[in-house]
Amino acid sequence: LQVQDDILDGIGATEKTGKRQGSDIQHEKSTYPALLGLDNAQKKALDLYQEAMDSLSLLASQSYNTSSLEALAGFIIERDN
């Protein structure tokens, strides 16, 4: 969640995110894009998403209902606000 939030702070539209683009950097906050670069931060977000989906798949194979968590993970990685 934090990785995607940091990415959106840097590239998200102000009218969609509800805060001025780049405000974290202006406030000198440590962010994933600042530490890793934007491309690597986006890769990190996708890697974490895939890790979560793999874990949920394992739980689903043991008869756990993971549909809500899968939807939440999808929402987090795809959100633009």
PDB file of N, CA and C in Angstrom:
ATOM      1  N   LEU A   1       0.819  -1.188   0.000  1.00  0.00           N
ATOM      2  CA  LEU A   1       0.000   0.000   0.000  1.00  0.00           C
ATOM      3  C   LEU A   1       0.864   1.252   0.000  1.00  0.00           C
ATOM      4  N   GLN A   2       1.890   1.282   0.843  1.00  0.00           N
ATOM      5  CA  GLN A   2       2.720   2.477   0.938  1.00  0.00           C
ATOM      6  C   GLN A   2       3.487   2.729  -0.348  1.00  0.00           C
ATOM      7  N   VAL A   3       3.975   1.680  -0.986  1.00  0.00           N
ATOM      8  CA  VAL A   3       4.725   1.861  -2.229  1.00  0.00           C
ATOM      9  C   VAL A   3       3.828   2.536  -3.262  1.00  0.00           C
ATOM     10  N   GLN A   4       2.607   2.029  -3.440  1.00  0.00           N
ATOM     11  CA  GLN A   4       1.684   2.592  -4.428  1.00  0.00           C
ATOM     12  C   GLN A   4       1.295   4.020  -4.040  1.00  0.00           C
ATOM     13  N   ASP A   5       1.108   4.283  -2.776  1.00  0.00           N
ATOM     14  CA  ASP A   5       0.773   5.627  -2.319  1.00  0.00           C
ATOM     15  C   ASP A   5       1.904   6.601  -2.657  1.00  0.00           C
ATOM     16  N   ASP A   6       3.137   6.185  -2.420  1.00  0.00           N
ATOM     17  CA  ASP A   6       4.284   7.035  -2.748  1.00  0.00           C
ATOM     18  C   ASP A   6       4.380   7.290  -4.250  1.00  0.00           C
ATOM     19  N   ILE A   7       4.110   6.272  -5.045  1.00  0.00           N
ATOM     20  CA  ILE A   7       4.143   6.422  -6.501  1.00  0.00           C
ATOM     21  C   ILE A   7       3.077   7.421  -6.936  1.00  0.00           C
ATOM     22  N   LEU A   8       1.871   7.260  -6.404  1.00  0.00           N
ATOM     23  CA  LEU A   8       0.785   8.167  -6.770  1.00  0.00           C
ATOM     24  C   LEU A   8       1.082   9.598  -6.357  1.00  0.00           C
ATOM     25  N   ASP A   9       1.767   9.786  -5.233  1.00  0.00           N
ATOM     26  CA  ASP A   9       2.135  11.139  -4.818  1.00  0.00           C
ATOM     27  C   ASP A   9       3.009  11.800  -5.876  1.00  0.00           C
ATOM     28  N   GLY A  10       3.839  11.016  -6.508  1.00  0.00           N
ATOM     29  CA  GLY A  10       4.759  11.567  -7.503  1.00  0.00           C
ATOM     30  C   GLY A  10       4.170  11.729  -8.883  1.00  0.00           C
ATOM     31  N   ILE A  11       3.261  10.827  -9.270  1.00  0.00           N
ATOM     32  CA  ILE A  11       2.767  10.870 -10.649  1.00  0.00           C
ATOM     33  C   ILE A  11       1.255  11.023 -10.760  1.00  0.00           C
ATOM     34  N   GLY A  12       0.546  10.939  -9.631  1.00  0.00           N
ATOM     35  CA  GLY A  12      -0.909  11.014  -9.657  1.00  0.00           C
ATOM     36  C   GLY A  12      -1.401  12.438  -9.889  1.00  0.00           C
ATOM     37  N   ALA A  13      -2.555  12.547 -10.514  1.00  0.00           N
ATOM     38  CA  ALA A  13      -3.171  13.847 -10.759  1.00  0.00           C
ATOM     39  C   ALA A  13      -3.739  14.394  -9.449  1.00  0.00           C
ATOM     40  N   THR A  14      -3.457  15.650  -9.172  1.00  0.00           N
ATOM     41  CA  THR A  14      -3.900  16.281  -7.929  1.00  0.00           C
ATOM     42  C   THR A  14      -5.395  16.150  -7.729  1.00  0.00           C
ATOM     43  N   GLU A  15      -6.170  16.320  -8.789  1.00  0.00           N
ATOM     44  CA  GLU A  15      -7.625  16.236  -8.665  1.00  0.00           C
ATOM     45  C   GLU A  15      -8.111  14.824  -8.345  1.00  0.00           C
ATOM     46  N   LYS A  16      -7.305  13.819  -8.625  1.00  0.00           N
ATOM     47  CA  LYS A  16      -7.685  12.445  -8.305  1.00  0.00           C
ATOM     48  C   LYS A  16      -7.156  12.007  -6.945  1.00  0.00           C
ATOM     49  N   THR A  17      -5.943  12.402  -6.602  1.00  0.00           N
ATOM     50  CA  THR A  17      -5.349  11.947  -5.346  1.00  0.00           C
ATOM     51  C   THR A  17      -5.802  12.765  -4.148  1.00  0.00           C
ATOM     52  N   GLY A  18      -6.248  13.969  -4.390  1.00  0.00           N
ATOM     53  CA  GLY A  18      -6.703  14.820  -3.297  1.00  0.00           C
ATOM     54  C   GLY A  18      -5.592  15.581  -2.605  1.00  0.00           C
ATOM     55  N   LYS A  19      -4.367  15.435  -3.101  1.00  0.00           N
ATOM     56  CA  LYS A  19      -3.269  16.235  -2.575  1.00  0.00           C
ATOM     57  C   LYS A  19      -2.357  16.616  -3.729  1.00  0.00           C
ATOM     58  N   ARG A  20      -1.635  17.694  -3.520  1.00  0.00           N
ATOM     59  CA  ARG A  20      -0.800  18.230  -4.584  1.00  0.00           C
ATOM     60  C   ARG A  20       0.275  17.227  -4.985  1.00  0.00           C
ATOM     61  N   GLN A  21       0.446  17.044  -6.281  1.00  0.00           N
ATOM     62  CA  GLN A  21       1.446  16.115  -6.794  1.00  0.00           C
ATOM     63  C   GLN A  21       2.825  16.510  -6.277  1.00  0.00           C
ATOM     64  N   GLY A  22       3.560  15.536  -5.768  1.00  0.00           N
ATOM     65  CA  GLY A  22       4.906  15.765  -5.276  1.00  0.00           C
ATOM     66  C   GLY A  22       4.985  16.354  -3.880  1.00  0.00           C
ATOM     67  N   SER A  23       3.866  16.383  -3.170  1.00  0.00           N
ATOM     68  CA  SER A  23       3.868  17.012  -1.842  1.00  0.00           C
ATOM     69  C   SER A  23       4.767  16.273  -0.852  1.00  0.00           C
ATOM     70  N   ASP A  24       4.892  14.958  -0.974  1.00  0.00           N
ATOM     71  CA  ASP A  24       5.775  14.223  -0.063  1.00  0.00           C
ATOM     72  C   ASP A  24       7.228  14.654  -0.245  1.00  0.00           C
ATOM     73  N   ILE A  25       7.648  14.825  -1.473  1.00  0.00           N
ATOM     74  CA  ILE A  25       9.023  15.251  -1.753  1.00  0.00           C
ATOM     75  C   ILE A  25       9.237  16.680  -1.258  1.00  0.00           C
ATOM     76  N   GLN A  26       8.239  17.539  -1.467  1.00  0.00           N
ATOM     77  CA  GLN A  26       8.354  18.915  -0.997  1.00  0.00           C
ATOM     78  C   GLN A  26       8.464  18.988   0.521  1.00  0.00           C
ATOM     79  N   HIS A  27       7.863  18.010   1.199  1.00  0.00           N
ATOM     80  CA  HIS A  27       7.956  17.955   2.653  1.00  0.00           C
ATOM     81  C   HIS A  27       9.138  17.096   3.119  1.00  0.00           C
ATOM     82  N   GLU A  28      10.003  16.751   2.165  1.00  0.00           N
ATOM     83  CA  GLU A  28      11.222  15.981   2.414  1.00  0.00           C
ATOM     84  C   GLU A  28      10.955  14.643   3.084  1.00  0.00           C
ATOM     85  N   LYS A  29       9.839  14.015   2.712  1.00  0.00           N
ATOM     86  CA  LYS A  29       9.535  12.685   3.224  1.00  0.00           C
ATOM     87  C   LYS A  29      10.325  11.646   2.442  1.00  0.00           C
ATOM     88  N   SER A  30      10.712  10.601   3.111  1.00  0.00           N
ATOM     89  CA  SER A  30      11.389   9.497   2.454  1.00  0.00           C
ATOM     90  C   SER A  30      10.332   8.652   1.746  1.00  0.00           C
ATOM     91  N   THR A  31      10.462   8.524   0.442  1.00  0.00           N
ATOM     92  CA  THR A  31       9.482   7.771  -0.339  1.00  0.00           C
ATOM     93  C   THR A  31      10.183   6.681  -1.141  1.00  0.00           C
ATOM     94  N   TYR A  32       9.410   5.687  -1.558  1.00  0.00           N
ATOM     95  CA  TYR A  32       9.986   4.619  -2.383  1.00  0.00           C
ATOM     96  C   TYR A  32      10.562   5.151  -3.693  1.00  0.00           C
ATOM     97  N   PRO A  33       9.857   6.015  -4.433  1.00  0.00           N
ATOM     98  CA  PRO A  33      10.471   6.534  -5.660  1.00  0.00           C
ATOM     99  C   PRO A  33      11.753   7.334  -5.395  1.00  0.00           C
ATOM    100  N   ALA A  34      11.795   8.064  -4.283  1.00  0.00           N
ATOM    101  CA  ALA A  34      13.010   8.818  -3.961  1.00  0.00           C
ATOM    102  C   ALA A  34      14.167   7.868  -3.655  1.00  0.00           C
ATOM    103  N   LEU A  35      13.876   6.769  -2.985  1.00  0.00           N
ATOM    104  CA  LEU A  35      14.920   5.810  -2.614  1.00  0.00           C
ATOM    105  C   LEU A  35      15.319   4.889  -3.755  1.00  0.00           C
ATOM    106  N   LEU A  36      14.322   4.438  -4.531  1.00  0.00           N
ATOM    107  CA  LEU A  36      14.568   3.420  -5.555  1.00  0.00           C
ATOM    108  C   LEU A  36      14.517   3.937  -6.985  1.00  0.00           C
ATOM    109  N   GLY A  37      13.956   5.125  -7.179  1.00  0.00           N
ATOM    110  CA  GLY A  37      13.647   5.611  -8.527  1.00  0.00           C
ATOM    111  C   GLY A  37      12.241   5.142  -8.881  1.00  0.00           C
ATOM    112  N   LEU A  38      11.569   5.882  -9.742  1.00  0.00           N
ATOM    113  CA  LEU A  38      10.175   5.578 -10.075  1.00  0.00           C
ATOM    114  C   LEU A  38      10.009   4.191 -10.683  1.00  0.00           C
ATOM    115  N   ASP A  39      10.830   3.847 -11.661  1.00  0.00           N
ATOM    116  CA  ASP A  39      10.693   2.539 -12.313  1.00  0.00           C
ATOM    117  C   ASP A  39      10.866   1.387 -11.326  1.00  0.00           C
ATOM    118  N   ASN A  40      11.870   1.481 -10.457  1.00  0.00           N
ATOM    119  CA  ASN A  40      12.095   0.416  -9.482  1.00  0.00           C
ATOM    120  C   ASN A  40      11.013   0.388  -8.412  1.00  0.00           C
ATOM    121  N   ALA A  41      10.468   1.544  -8.053  1.00  0.00           N
ATOM    122  CA  ALA A  41       9.362   1.577  -7.096  1.00  0.00           C
ATOM    123  C   ALA A  41       8.129   0.909  -7.698  1.00  0.00           C
ATOM    124  N   GLN A  42       7.866   1.167  -8.973  1.00  0.00           N
ATOM    125  CA  GLN A  42       6.732   0.519  -9.638  1.00  0.00           C
ATOM    126  C   GLN A  42       6.952  -0.986  -9.718  1.00  0.00           C
ATOM    127  N   LYS A  43       8.179  -1.402  -9.994  1.00  0.00           N
ATOM    128  CA  LYS A  43       8.488  -2.837 -10.020  1.00  0.00           C
ATOM    129  C   LYS A  43       8.302  -3.441  -8.629  1.00  0.00           C
ATOM    130  N   LYS A  44       8.731  -2.726  -7.596  1.00  0.00           N
ATOM    131  CA  LYS A  44       8.575  -3.206  -6.222  1.00  0.00           C
ATOM    132  C   LYS A  44       7.101  -3.393  -5.891  1.00  0.00           C
ATOM    133  N   ALA A  45       6.269  -2.439  -6.282  1.00  0.00           N
ATOM    134  CA  ALA A  45       4.828  -2.535  -6.031  1.00  0.00           C
ATOM    135  C   ALA A  45       4.255  -3.772  -6.719  1.00  0.00           C
ATOM    136  N   LEU A  46       4.638  -4.006  -7.960  1.00  0.00           N
ATOM    137  CA  LEU A  46       4.145  -5.181  -8.686  1.00  0.00           C
ATOM    138  C   LEU A  46       4.664  -6.475  -8.071  1.00  0.00           C
ATOM    139  N   ASP A  47       5.920  -6.476  -7.628  1.00  0.00           N
ATOM    140  CA  ASP A  47       6.487  -7.664  -6.971  1.00  0.00           C
ATOM    141  C   ASP A  47       5.728  -7.986  -5.683  1.00  0.00           C
ATOM    142  N   LEU A  48       5.427  -6.952  -4.890  1.00  0.00           N
ATOM    143  CA  LEU A  48       4.680  -7.164  -3.651  1.00  0.00           C
ATOM    144  C   LEU A  48       3.264  -7.655  -3.934  1.00  0.00           C
ATOM    145  N   TYR A  49       2.656  -7.112  -4.975  1.00  0.00           N
ATOM    146  CA  TYR A  49       1.322  -7.565  -5.390  1.00  0.00           C
ATOM    147  C   TYR A  49       1.360  -9.046  -5.768  1.00  0.00           C
ATOM    148  N   GLN A  50       2.349  -9.423  -6.569  1.00  0.00           N
ATOM    149  CA  GLN A  50       2.449 -10.825  -6.998  1.00  0.00           C
ATOM    150  C   GLN A  50       2.711 -11.742  -5.811  1.00  0.00           C
ATOM    151  N   GLU A  51       3.527 -11.287  -4.865  1.00  0.00           N
ATOM    152  CA  GLU A  51       3.794 -12.063  -3.658  1.00  0.00           C
ATOM    153  C   GLU A  51       2.497 -12.291  -2.867  1.00  0.00           C
ATOM    154  N   ALA A  52       1.707 -11.235  -2.747  1.00  0.00           N
ATOM    155  CA  ALA A  52       0.429 -11.351  -2.042  1.00  0.00           C
ATOM    156  C   ALA A  52      -0.498 -12.316  -2.761  1.00  0.00           C
ATOM    157  N   MET A  53      -0.559 -12.217  -4.085  1.00  0.00           N
ATOM    158  CA  MET A  53      -1.437 -13.101  -4.851  1.00  0.00           C
ATOM    159  C   MET A  53      -0.995 -14.552  -4.753  1.00  0.00           C
ATOM    160  N   ASP A  54       0.310 -14.782  -4.748  1.00  0.00           N
ATOM    161  CA  ASP A  54       0.824 -16.145  -4.584  1.00  0.00           C
ATOM    162  C   ASP A  54       0.429 -16.719  -3.216  1.00  0.00           C
ATOM    163  N   SER A  55       0.550 -15.892  -2.191  1.00  0.00           N
ATOM    164  CA  SER A  55       0.167 -16.341  -0.843  1.00  0.00           C
ATOM    165  C   SER A  55      -1.327 -16.622  -0.772  1.00  0.00           C
ATOM    166  N   LEU A  56      -2.118 -15.763  -1.380  1.00  0.00           N
ATOM    167  CA  LEU A  56      -3.569 -15.972  -1.384  1.00  0.00           C
ATOM    168  C   LEU A  56      -3.945 -17.219  -2.177  1.00  0.00           C
ATOM    169  N   SER A  57      -3.232 -17.477  -3.233  1.00  0.00           N
ATOM    170  CA  SER A  57      -3.484 -18.679  -4.032  1.00  0.00           C
ATOM    171  C   SER A  57      -3.228 -19.936  -3.204  1.00  0.00           C
ATOM    172  N   LEU A  58      -2.175 -19.902  -2.414  1.00  0.00           N
ATOM    173  CA  LEU A  58      -1.878 -21.028  -1.535  1.00  0.00           C
ATOM    174  C   LEU A  58      -3.003 -21.234  -0.518  1.00  0.00           C
ATOM    175  N   LEU A  59      -3.479 -20.147   0.064  1.00  0.00           N
ATOM    176  CA  LEU A  59      -4.593 -20.249   1.005  1.00  0.00           C
ATOM    177  C   LEU A  59      -5.862 -20.748   0.326  1.00  0.00           C
ATOM    178  N   ALA A  60      -6.117 -20.270  -0.881  1.00  0.00           N
ATOM    179  CA  ALA A  60      -7.305 -20.710  -1.627  1.00  0.00           C
ATOM    180  C   ALA A  60      -7.239 -22.205  -1.919  1.00  0.00           C
ATOM    181  N   SER A  61      -6.028 -22.714  -2.163  1.00  0.00           N
ATOM    182  CA  SER A  61      -5.883 -24.149  -2.433  1.00  0.00           C
ATOM    183  C   SER A  61      -6.172 -24.990  -1.193  1.00  0.00           C
ATOM    184  N   GLN A  62      -6.194 -24.341  -0.019  1.00  0.00           N
ATOM    185  CA  GLN A  62      -6.518 -25.025   1.228  1.00  0.00           C
ATOM    186  C   GLN A  62      -7.957 -24.726   1.655  1.00  0.00           C
ATOM    187  N   SER A  63      -8.758 -24.328   0.680  1.00  0.00           N
ATOM    188  CA  SER A  63     -10.196 -24.097   0.858  1.00  0.00           C
ATOM    189  C   SER A  63     -10.557 -22.831   1.628  1.00  0.00           C
ATOM    190  N   TYR A  64      -9.651 -21.876   1.706  1.00  0.00           N
ATOM    191  CA  TYR A  64      -9.984 -20.591   2.310  1.00  0.00           C
ATOM    192  C   TYR A  64     -10.565 -19.676   1.234  1.00  0.00           C
ATOM    193  N   ASN A  65     -11.537 -18.885   1.606  1.00  0.00           N
ATOM    194  CA  ASN A  65     -12.121 -17.917   0.679  1.00  0.00           C
ATOM    195  C   ASN A  65     -11.266 -16.655   0.710  1.00  0.00           C
ATOM    196  N   THR A  66     -10.523 -16.426  -0.365  1.00  0.00           N
ATOM    197  CA  THR A  66      -9.605 -15.286  -0.440  1.00  0.00           C
ATOM    198  C   THR A  66     -10.086 -14.212  -1.403  1.00  0.00           C
ATOM    199  N   SER A  67     -11.298 -14.335  -1.890  1.00  0.00           N
ATOM    200  CA  SER A  67     -11.765 -13.418  -2.936  1.00  0.00           C
ATOM    201  C   SER A  67     -11.753 -11.953  -2.497  1.00  0.00           C
ATOM    202  N   SER A  68     -12.134 -11.680  -1.264  1.00  0.00           N
ATOM    203  CA  SER A  68     -12.122 -10.289  -0.789  1.00  0.00           C
ATOM    204  C   SER A  68     -10.707  -9.731  -0.719  1.00  0.00           C
ATOM    205  N   LEU A  69      -9.774 -10.543  -0.247  1.00  0.00           N
ATOM    206  CA  LEU A  69      -8.388 -10.093  -0.163  1.00  0.00           C
ATOM    207  C   LEU A  69      -7.771  -9.927  -1.553  1.00  0.00           C
ATOM    208  N   GLU A  70      -8.146 -10.795  -2.476  1.00  0.00           N
ATOM    209  CA  GLU A  70      -7.667 -10.660  -3.852  1.00  0.00           C
ATOM    210  C   GLU A  70      -8.185  -9.368  -4.466  1.00  0.00           C
ATOM    211  N   ALA A  71      -9.454  -9.061  -4.223  1.00  0.00           N
ATOM    212  CA  ALA A  71     -10.044  -7.820  -4.738  1.00  0.00           C
ATOM    213  C   ALA A  71      -9.363  -6.607  -4.127  1.00  0.00           C
ATOM    214  N   LEU A  72      -9.074  -6.671  -2.845  1.00  0.00           N
ATOM    215  CA  LEU A  72      -8.397  -5.560  -2.172  1.00  0.00           C
ATOM    216  C   LEU A  72      -6.996  -5.352  -2.745  1.00  0.00           C
ATOM    217  N   ALA A  73      -6.259  -6.419  -2.950  1.00  0.00           N
ATOM    218  CA  ALA A  73      -4.918  -6.314  -3.522  1.00  0.00           C
ATOM    219  C   ALA A  73      -4.979  -5.721  -4.933  1.00  0.00           C
ATOM    220  N   GLY A  74      -5.962  -6.141  -5.711  1.00  0.00           N
ATOM    221  CA  GLY A  74      -6.139  -5.596  -7.050  1.00  0.00           C
ATOM    222  C   GLY A  74      -6.472  -4.112  -7.020  1.00  0.00           C
ATOM    223  N   PHE A  75      -7.338  -3.732  -6.089  1.00  0.00           N
ATOM    224  CA  PHE A  75      -7.695  -2.326  -5.951  1.00  0.00           C
ATOM    225  C   PHE A  75      -6.465  -1.478  -5.615  1.00  0.00           C
ATOM    226  N   ILE A  76      -5.660  -1.960  -4.683  1.00  0.00           N
ATOM    227  CA  ILE A  76      -4.483  -1.198  -4.255  1.00  0.00           C
ATOM    228  C   ILE A  76      -3.520  -0.980  -5.404  1.00  0.00           C
ATOM    229  N   ILE A  77      -3.246  -2.013  -6.167  1.00  0.00           N
ATOM    230  CA  ILE A  77      -2.239  -1.889  -7.228  1.00  0.00           C
ATOM    231  C   ILE A  77      -2.777  -1.108  -8.435  1.00  0.00           C
ATOM    232  N   GLU A  78      -4.088  -1.105  -8.634  1.00  0.00           N
ATOM    233  CA  GLU A  78      -4.667  -0.442  -9.796  1.00  0.00           C
ATOM    234  C   GLU A  78      -5.206   0.958  -9.520  1.00  0.00           C
ATOM    235  N   ARG A  79      -5.271   1.342  -8.252  1.00  0.00           N
ATOM    236  CA  ARG A  79      -5.885   2.626  -7.919  1.00  0.00           C
ATOM    237  C   ARG A  79      -5.106   3.805  -8.482  1.00  0.00           C
ATOM    238  N   ASP A  80      -5.830   4.892  -8.677  1.00  0.00           N
ATOM    239  CA  ASP A  80      -5.180   6.111  -9.179  1.00  0.00           C
ATOM    240  C   ASP A  80      -5.500   7.309  -8.293  1.00  0.00           C
ATOM    241  N   ASN A  81      -5.989   7.008  -7.104  1.00  0.00           N
ATOM    242  CA  ASN A  81      -6.262   8.094  -6.157  1.00  0.00           C
ATOM    243  C   ASN A  81      -6.035   7.638  -4.734  1.00  0.00           C
TER     244      ASN A  81
END
